Amino acid sequence: MPLYKSITVNSQTTVKIWKIEESYDDLLQPLDLKQVSIDRVLSMKSDLHQRGFLSVRHLLRDFGYTDQDLFYDSYGKPHLKDGKYISITHSFTFSGVIVSDNPVGIDIEKQRDKIAIIAKKFVDYEFNYLDTKAEDYIRKLTVIWGVKESLYKLFATPGMLFKDHFLVIPFMLEDRETVAWIDYNDKKFRYNTAFEEFEGFTCAYVVPND
């Protein structure tokens, strides 16, 4: 399948999402991969992980990049050679890439009931407005996780904890946006964030200033 969704966040930022329906061979065939990328994909034991990795390279192509333009730092954070900011995610049958002139983060998560089991590991302040018995509880938890994961990817700073250092203010699912804060090392950072829901998945991302 070609591109599933493209979101123009602002004049400097775009999100692209791929629905992974192709076979490994079909995804691999048109790509020109670096040797390190070939080694990495061959080391993956899951066919779905392999196809997720390759689908991200197709998203790069849609942005006008190739695998040669992408590299990772010592923290595992992706970078583009032209200096633009990038963040990458894939979950089950969807992958996503956000590219911007400013620092960004993105995350896709499948909406699953088991997130409620681990909620206390990443939720603190948010329990003040969450209704654990509400029909939309799982969806809201998934948004909160996705927003915090996106912020963590943006900062890529060891020692940050979702529960202790990230805060998502109250939001309505129909608004598809919220504000999040990072409180870390006596410094506070405010971020606008947004989210999309599709086919039982949630995609959350940081919205940089235009």
C-alpha atoms as a PDB file:
ATOM      1  CA  MET A   1       0.000   0.000   0.000  1.00  0.00           C
ATOM      2  CA  PRO A   2       1.243   3.514  -0.689  1.00  0.00           C
ATOM      3  CA  LEU A   3       1.237   6.313   1.865  1.00  0.00           C
ATOM      4  CA  TYR A   4      -1.671   5.922   4.334  1.00  0.00           C
ATOM      5  CA  LYS A   5      -1.852   9.472   5.684  1.00  0.00           C
ATOM      6  CA  SER A   6       0.045  12.757   5.358  1.00  0.00           C
ATOM      7  CA  ILE A   7      -0.452  15.555   7.878  1.00  0.00           C
ATOM      8  CA  THR A   8       0.810  19.089   7.310  1.00  0.00           C
ATOM      9  CA  VAL A   9       1.376  20.167  10.916  1.00  0.00           C
ATOM     10  CA  ASN A  10       2.606  23.627   9.923  1.00  0.00           C
ATOM     11  CA  SER A  11       4.750  25.208   7.201  1.00  0.00           C
ATOM     12  CA  GLN A  12       7.903  23.575   8.592  1.00  0.00           C
ATOM     13  CA  THR A  13       6.601  20.223   9.831  1.00  0.00           C
ATOM     14  CA  THR A  14       5.018  17.187   8.156  1.00  0.00           C
ATOM     15  CA  VAL A  15       3.899  13.776   9.439  1.00  0.00           C
ATOM     16  CA  LYS A  16       3.640  10.782   7.105  1.00  0.00           C
ATOM     17  CA  ILE A  17       2.119   7.426   8.070  1.00  0.00           C
ATOM     18  CA  TRP A  18       2.446   4.091   6.248  1.00  0.00           C
ATOM     19  CA  LYS A  19       0.137   1.098   6.591  1.00  0.00           C
ATOM     20  CA  ILE A  20       2.326  -1.998   6.297  1.00  0.00           C
ATOM     21  CA  GLU A  21       0.573  -4.446   3.992  1.00  0.00           C
ATOM     22  CA  GLU A  22       3.398  -5.374   1.600  1.00  0.00           C
ATOM     23  CA  SER A  23       5.621  -8.428   1.897  1.00  0.00           C
ATOM     24  CA  TYR A  24       9.226  -8.145   3.038  1.00  0.00           C
ATOM     25  CA  ASP A  25      10.475  -8.737  -0.522  1.00  0.00           C
ATOM     26  CA  ASP A  26       8.154  -6.132  -2.042  1.00  0.00           C
ATOM     27  CA  LEU A  27       9.277  -3.530   0.489  1.00  0.00           C
ATOM     28  CA  LEU A  28      12.959  -4.352   0.089  1.00  0.00           C
ATOM     29  CA  GLN A  29      13.107  -4.465  -3.708  1.00  0.00           C
ATOM     30  CA  PRO A  30      13.073  -0.712  -4.545  1.00  0.00           C
ATOM     31  CA  LEU A  31      15.284   0.395  -1.635  1.00  0.00           C
ATOM     32  CA  ASP A  32      18.986   1.285  -1.670  1.00  0.00           C
ATOM     33  CA  LEU A  33      20.097   0.417   1.860  1.00  0.00           C
ATOM     34  CA  LYS A  34      23.398   1.101   3.588  1.00  0.00           C
ATOM     35  CA  GLN A  35      25.266  -2.023   4.676  1.00  0.00           C
ATOM     36  CA  VAL A  36      24.595  -1.182   8.336  1.00  0.00           C
ATOM     37  CA  SER A  37      20.863  -1.068   7.553  1.00  0.00           C
ATOM     38  CA  ILE A  38      21.010  -4.382   5.697  1.00  0.00           C
ATOM     39  CA  ASP A  39      22.780  -5.953   8.666  1.00  0.00           C
ATOM     40  CA  ARG A  40      20.233  -4.501  11.062  1.00  0.00           C
ATOM     41  CA  VAL A  41      17.165  -5.689   9.181  1.00  0.00           C
ATOM     42  CA  LEU A  42      18.641  -9.167   8.704  1.00  0.00           C
ATOM     43  CA  SER A  43      19.285  -9.401  12.461  1.00  0.00           C
ATOM     44  CA  MET A  44      15.600  -8.850  13.257  1.00  0.00           C
ATOM     45  CA  LYS A  45      13.800 -12.077  14.148  1.00  0.00           C
ATOM     46  CA  SER A  46      10.282 -10.770  13.525  1.00  0.00           C
ATOM     47  CA  ASP A  47       8.978 -10.387   9.974  1.00  0.00           C
ATOM     48  CA  LEU A  48       6.754  -7.563  11.195  1.00  0.00           C
ATOM     49  CA  HIS A  49       9.752  -5.698  12.664  1.00  0.00           C
ATOM     50  CA  GLN A  50      11.644  -6.156   9.405  1.00  0.00           C
ATOM     51  CA  ARG A  51       8.733  -4.797   7.382  1.00  0.00           C
ATOM     52  CA  GLY A  52       8.318  -1.925   9.844  1.00  0.00           C
ATOM     53  CA  PHE A  53      11.983  -1.003   9.392  1.00  0.00           C
ATOM     54  CA  LEU A  54      11.675  -1.116   5.604  1.00  0.00           C
ATOM     55  CA  SER A  55       8.394   0.833   5.550  1.00  0.00           C
ATOM     56  CA  VAL A  56      10.140   3.693   7.373  1.00  0.00           C
ATOM     57  CA  ARG A  57      12.628   3.822   4.479  1.00  0.00           C
ATOM     58  CA  HIS A  58       9.678   4.135   2.085  1.00  0.00           C
ATOM     59  CA  LEU A  59       8.418   7.069   4.141  1.00  0.00           C
ATOM     60  CA  LEU A  60      11.874   8.633   3.858  1.00  0.00           C
ATOM     61  CA  ARG A  61      11.583   8.281   0.077  1.00  0.00           C
ATOM     62  CA  ASP A  62       8.230  10.044   0.205  1.00  0.00           C
ATOM     63  CA  PHE A  63       9.968  12.939   1.967  1.00  0.00           C
ATOM     64  CA  GLY A  64      12.643  12.957  -0.746  1.00  0.00           C
ATOM     65  CA  TYR A  65      15.340  11.236   1.320  1.00  0.00           C
ATOM     66  CA  THR A  66      17.094   7.880   1.081  1.00  0.00           C
ATOM     67  CA  ASP A  67      18.499   5.537   3.700  1.00  0.00           C
ATOM     68  CA  GLN A  68      21.869   7.164   3.003  1.00  0.00           C
ATOM     69  CA  ASP A  69      20.547  10.468   4.404  1.00  0.00           C
ATOM     70  CA  LEU A  70      19.679   8.952   7.793  1.00  0.00           C
ATOM     71  CA  PHE A  71      22.057   8.265  10.678  1.00  0.00           C
ATOM     72  CA  TYR A  72      21.780   7.581  14.406  1.00  0.00           C
ATOM     73  CA  ASP A  73      23.709   9.073  17.321  1.00  0.00           C
ATOM     74  CA  SER A  74      25.061   7.218  20.366  1.00  0.00           C
ATOM     75  CA  TYR A  75      21.647   7.478  22.083  1.00  0.00           C
ATOM     76  CA  GLY A  76      19.929   5.834  19.117  1.00  0.00           C
ATOM     77  CA  LYS A  77      18.274   9.087  18.059  1.00  0.00           C
ATOM     78  CA  PRO A  78      17.827   9.485  14.278  1.00  0.00           C
ATOM     79  CA  HIS A  79      19.212  12.478  12.376  1.00  0.00           C
ATOM     80  CA  LEU A  80      19.158  13.715   8.788  1.00  0.00           C
ATOM     81  CA  LYS A  81      22.316  14.819   7.031  1.00  0.00           C
ATOM     82  CA  ASP A  82      20.712  18.063   5.819  1.00  0.00           C
ATOM     83  CA  GLY A  83      20.154  19.197   9.421  1.00  0.00           C
ATOM     84  CA  LYS A  84      16.383  18.870   9.513  1.00  0.00           C
ATOM     85  CA  TYR A  85      14.913  17.140  12.567  1.00  0.00           C
ATOM     86  CA  ILE A  86      13.328  13.700  12.297  1.00  0.00           C
ATOM     87  CA  SER A  87      11.559  11.231  14.559  1.00  0.00           C
ATOM     88  CA  ILE A  88      10.509   7.682  13.657  1.00  0.00           C
ATOM     89  CA  THR A  89       8.003   5.169  15.009  1.00  0.00           C
ATOM     90  CA  HIS A  90       6.388   1.879  14.070  1.00  0.00           C
ATOM     91  CA  SER A  91       3.850  -0.321  15.822  1.00  0.00           C
ATOM     92  CA  PHE A  92       2.436  -3.544  14.401  1.00  0.00           C
ATOM     93  CA  THR A  93       1.034  -2.603  10.965  1.00  0.00           C
ATOM     94  CA  PHE A  94       1.722   1.139  10.996  1.00  0.00           C
ATOM     95  CA  SER A  95       4.861   3.247  10.815  1.00  0.00           C
ATOM     96  CA  GLY A  96       5.308   6.999  10.979  1.00  0.00           C
ATOM     97  CA  VAL A  97       7.913   9.684  10.351  1.00  0.00           C
ATOM     98  CA  ILE A  98       7.842  13.368  11.278  1.00  0.00           C
ATOM     99  CA  VAL A  99      10.282  15.845   9.710  1.00  0.00           C
ATOM    100  CA  SER A 100      10.624  19.463  10.785  1.00  0.00           C
ATOM    101  CA  ASP A 101      12.926  22.472  10.932  1.00  0.00           C
ATOM    102  CA  ASN A 102      12.609  22.197  14.732  1.00  0.00           C
ATOM    103  CA  PRO A 103      13.072  19.351  17.258  1.00  0.00           C
ATOM    104  CA  VAL A 104      10.239  16.801  17.068  1.00  0.00           C
ATOM    105  CA  GLY A 105       9.039  13.477  18.417  1.00  0.00           C
ATOM    106  CA  ILE A 106       6.409  10.985  17.248  1.00  0.00           C
ATOM    107  CA  ASP A 107       4.917   7.741  18.518  1.00  0.00           C
ATOM    108  CA  ILE A 108       2.328   5.252  17.240  1.00  0.00           C
ATOM    109  CA  GLU A 109       0.690   2.829  19.671  1.00  0.00           C
ATOM    110  CA  LYS A 110      -1.979   0.191  19.303  1.00  0.00           C
ATOM    111  CA  GLN A 111      -4.928   0.801  21.627  1.00  0.00           C
ATOM    112  CA  ARG A 112      -4.842  -2.216  23.940  1.00  0.00           C
ATOM    113  CA  ASP A 113      -6.529  -2.935  27.243  1.00  0.00           C
ATOM    114  CA  LYS A 114      -3.266  -4.074  28.811  1.00  0.00           C
ATOM    115  CA  ILE A 115      -2.039  -0.467  28.956  1.00  0.00           C
ATOM    116  CA  ALA A 116      -4.298  -0.078  32.013  1.00  0.00           C
ATOM    117  CA  ILE A 117      -2.171  -2.659  33.839  1.00  0.00           C
ATOM    118  CA  ILE A 118       0.969  -0.517  33.526  1.00  0.00           C
ATOM    119  CA  ALA A 119      -0.757   2.880  33.880  1.00  0.00           C
ATOM    120  CA  LYS A 120       0.721   3.541  37.324  1.00  0.00           C
ATOM    121  CA  LYS A 121       4.203   3.289  35.815  1.00  0.00           C
ATOM    122  CA  PHE A 122       3.733   6.297  33.533  1.00  0.00           C
ATOM    123  CA  VAL A 123       0.734   8.217  34.930  1.00  0.00           C
ATOM    124  CA  ASP A 124       0.704  10.412  38.042  1.00  0.00           C
ATOM    125  CA  TYR A 125      -0.866  13.873  37.705  1.00  0.00           C
ATOM    126  CA  GLU A 126      -3.121  12.644  34.896  1.00  0.00           C
ATOM    127  CA  PHE A 127      -5.063  10.404  37.299  1.00  0.00           C
ATOM    128  CA  ASN A 128      -6.613  13.648  38.622  1.00  0.00           C
ATOM    129  CA  TYR A 129      -8.705  13.923  35.465  1.00  0.00           C
ATOM    130  CA  LEU A 130      -8.843  10.365  34.123  1.00  0.00           C
ATOM    131  CA  ASP A 131     -11.959   8.296  34.798  1.00  0.00           C
ATOM    132  CA  THR A 132     -10.768   4.695  35.040  1.00  0.00           C
ATOM    133  CA  LYS A 133     -14.314   3.439  34.430  1.00  0.00           C
ATOM    134  CA  ALA A 134     -14.993   5.605  31.381  1.00  0.00           C
ATOM    135  CA  GLU A 135     -15.464   4.041  27.979  1.00  0.00           C
ATOM    136  CA  ASP A 136     -12.613   6.136  26.574  1.00  0.00           C
ATOM    137  CA  TYR A 137     -10.124   5.333  29.379  1.00  0.00           C
ATOM    138  CA  ILE A 138      -7.893   3.083  27.237  1.00  0.00           C
ATOM    139  CA  ARG A 139      -7.863   5.573  24.376  1.00  0.00           C
ATOM    140  CA  LYS A 140      -6.907   8.427  26.700  1.00  0.00           C
ATOM    141  CA  LEU A 141      -4.177   6.367  28.344  1.00  0.00           C
ATOM    142  CA  THR A 142      -2.806   5.590  24.891  1.00  0.00           C
ATOM    143  CA  VAL A 143      -2.723   9.300  24.023  1.00  0.00           C
ATOM    144  CA  ILE A 144      -0.879  10.087  27.267  1.00  0.00           C
ATOM    145  CA  TRP A 145       1.677   7.355  26.642  1.00  0.00           C
ATOM    146  CA  GLY A 146       2.151   8.492  23.034  1.00  0.00           C
ATOM    147  CA  VAL A 147       2.611  12.141  24.006  1.00  0.00           C
ATOM    148  CA  LYS A 148       5.153  11.261  26.689  1.00  0.00           C
ATOM    149  CA  GLU A 149       7.006   8.885  24.368  1.00  0.00           C
ATOM    150  CA  SER A 150       7.160  11.631  21.715  1.00  0.00           C
ATOM    151  CA  LEU A 151       8.627  14.070  24.220  1.00  0.00           C
ATOM    152  CA  TYR A 152      11.130  11.483  25.403  1.00  0.00           C
ATOM    153  CA  LYS A 153      12.247  10.910  21.820  1.00  0.00           C
ATOM    154  CA  LEU A 154      12.631  14.653  21.315  1.00  0.00           C
ATOM    155  CA  PHE A 155      14.855  15.057  24.379  1.00  0.00           C
ATOM    156  CA  ALA A 156      16.679  11.682  24.238  1.00  0.00           C
ATOM    157  CA  THR A 157      18.050  12.351  27.726  1.00  0.00           C
ATOM    158  CA  PRO A 158      18.905   9.394  29.980  1.00  0.00           C
ATOM    159  CA  GLY A 159      17.279   9.630  33.403  1.00  0.00           C
ATOM    160  CA  MET A 160      13.963  11.100  32.310  1.00  0.00           C
ATOM    161  CA  LEU A 161      10.940   9.200  33.642  1.00  0.00           C
ATOM    162  CA  PHE A 162       7.451   9.356  32.137  1.00  0.00           C
ATOM    163  CA  LYS A 163       5.750   9.399  35.541  1.00  0.00           C
ATOM    164  CA  ASP A 164       8.036  11.872  37.297  1.00  0.00           C
ATOM    165  CA  HIS A 165       9.114  14.323  34.613  1.00  0.00           C
ATOM    166  CA  PHE A 166       6.291  14.449  32.025  1.00  0.00           C
ATOM    167  CA  LEU A 167       2.829  15.941  32.484  1.00  0.00           C
ATOM    168  CA  VAL A 168      -0.107  15.993  30.050  1.00  0.00           C
ATOM    169  CA  ILE A 169      -2.856  18.509  30.802  1.00  0.00           C
ATOM    170  CA  PRO A 170      -6.561  17.512  30.533  1.00  0.00           C
ATOM    171  CA  PHE A 171      -7.819  17.006  26.980  1.00  0.00           C
ATOM    172  CA  MET A 172     -10.820  15.865  24.977  1.00  0.00           C
ATOM    173  CA  LEU A 173     -10.294  13.128  22.393  1.00  0.00           C
ATOM    174  CA  GLU A 174     -12.282  15.066  19.803  1.00  0.00           C
ATOM    175  CA  ASP A 175      -9.885  18.030  20.114  1.00  0.00           C
ATOM    176  CA  ARG A 176      -6.960  15.915  18.857  1.00  0.00           C
ATOM    177  CA  GLU A 177      -4.486  18.176  20.643  1.00  0.00           C
ATOM    178  CA  THR A 178      -3.213  18.986  24.130  1.00  0.00           C
ATOM    179  CA  VAL A 179      -0.357  20.637  26.008  1.00  0.00           C
ATOM    180  CA  ALA A 180       2.398  18.763  27.796  1.00  0.00           C
ATOM    181  CA  TRP A 181       5.120  19.836  30.185  1.00  0.00           C
ATOM    182  CA  ILE A 182       8.553  18.501  31.016  1.00  0.00           C
ATOM    183  CA  ASP A 183       9.821  19.250  34.509  1.00  0.00           C
ATOM    184  CA  TYR A 184      13.422  18.070  34.693  1.00  0.00           C
ATOM    185  CA  ASN A 185      16.527  19.262  36.540  1.00  0.00           C
ATOM    186  CA  ASP A 186      14.680  22.336  37.872  1.00  0.00           C
ATOM    187  CA  LYS A 187      13.743  23.432  34.360  1.00  0.00           C
ATOM    188  CA  LYS A 188      10.258  23.452  32.833  1.00  0.00           C
ATOM    189  CA  PHE A 189       9.469  23.112  29.136  1.00  0.00           C
ATOM    190  CA  ARG A 190       6.019  23.567  27.557  1.00  0.00           C
ATOM    191  CA  TYR A 191       5.024  21.770  24.342  1.00  0.00           C
ATOM    192  CA  ASN A 192       1.994  21.751  22.105  1.00  0.00           C
ATOM    193  CA  THR A 193       1.166  18.206  21.060  1.00  0.00           C
ATOM    194  CA  ALA A 194      -1.383  16.583  18.766  1.00  0.00           C
ATOM    195  CA  PHE A 195      -2.737  13.121  18.119  1.00  0.00           C
ATOM    196  CA  GLU A 196      -4.627  11.141  15.482  1.00  0.00           C
ATOM    197  CA  GLU A 197      -6.661   7.954  15.942  1.00  0.00           C
ATOM    198  CA  PHE A 198      -7.149   5.416  13.147  1.00  0.00           C
ATOM    199  CA  GLU A 199      -8.013   1.718  12.919  1.00  0.00           C
ATOM    200  CA  GLY A 200      -7.472   1.124  16.651  1.00  0.00           C
ATOM    201  CA  PHE A 201      -4.134   2.966  16.747  1.00  0.00           C
ATOM    202  CA  THR A 202      -3.061   6.329  18.167  1.00  0.00           C
ATOM    203  CA  CYS A 203      -0.360   8.529  16.673  1.00  0.00           C
ATOM    204  CA  ALA A 204       0.889  11.348  18.910  1.00  0.00           C
ATOM    205  CA  TYR A 205       3.493  13.963  18.046  1.00  0.00           C
ATOM    206  CA  VAL A 206       5.051  17.171  19.266  1.00  0.00           C
ATOM    207  CA  VAL A 207       3.939  20.284  17.375  1.00  0.00           C
ATOM    208  CA  PRO A 208       6.976  22.586  16.975  1.00  0.00           C
ATOM    209  CA  ASN A 209       6.586  26.337  16.724  1.00  0.00           C
ATOM    210  CA  ASP A 210       6.084  27.492  13.145  1.00  0.00           C
END
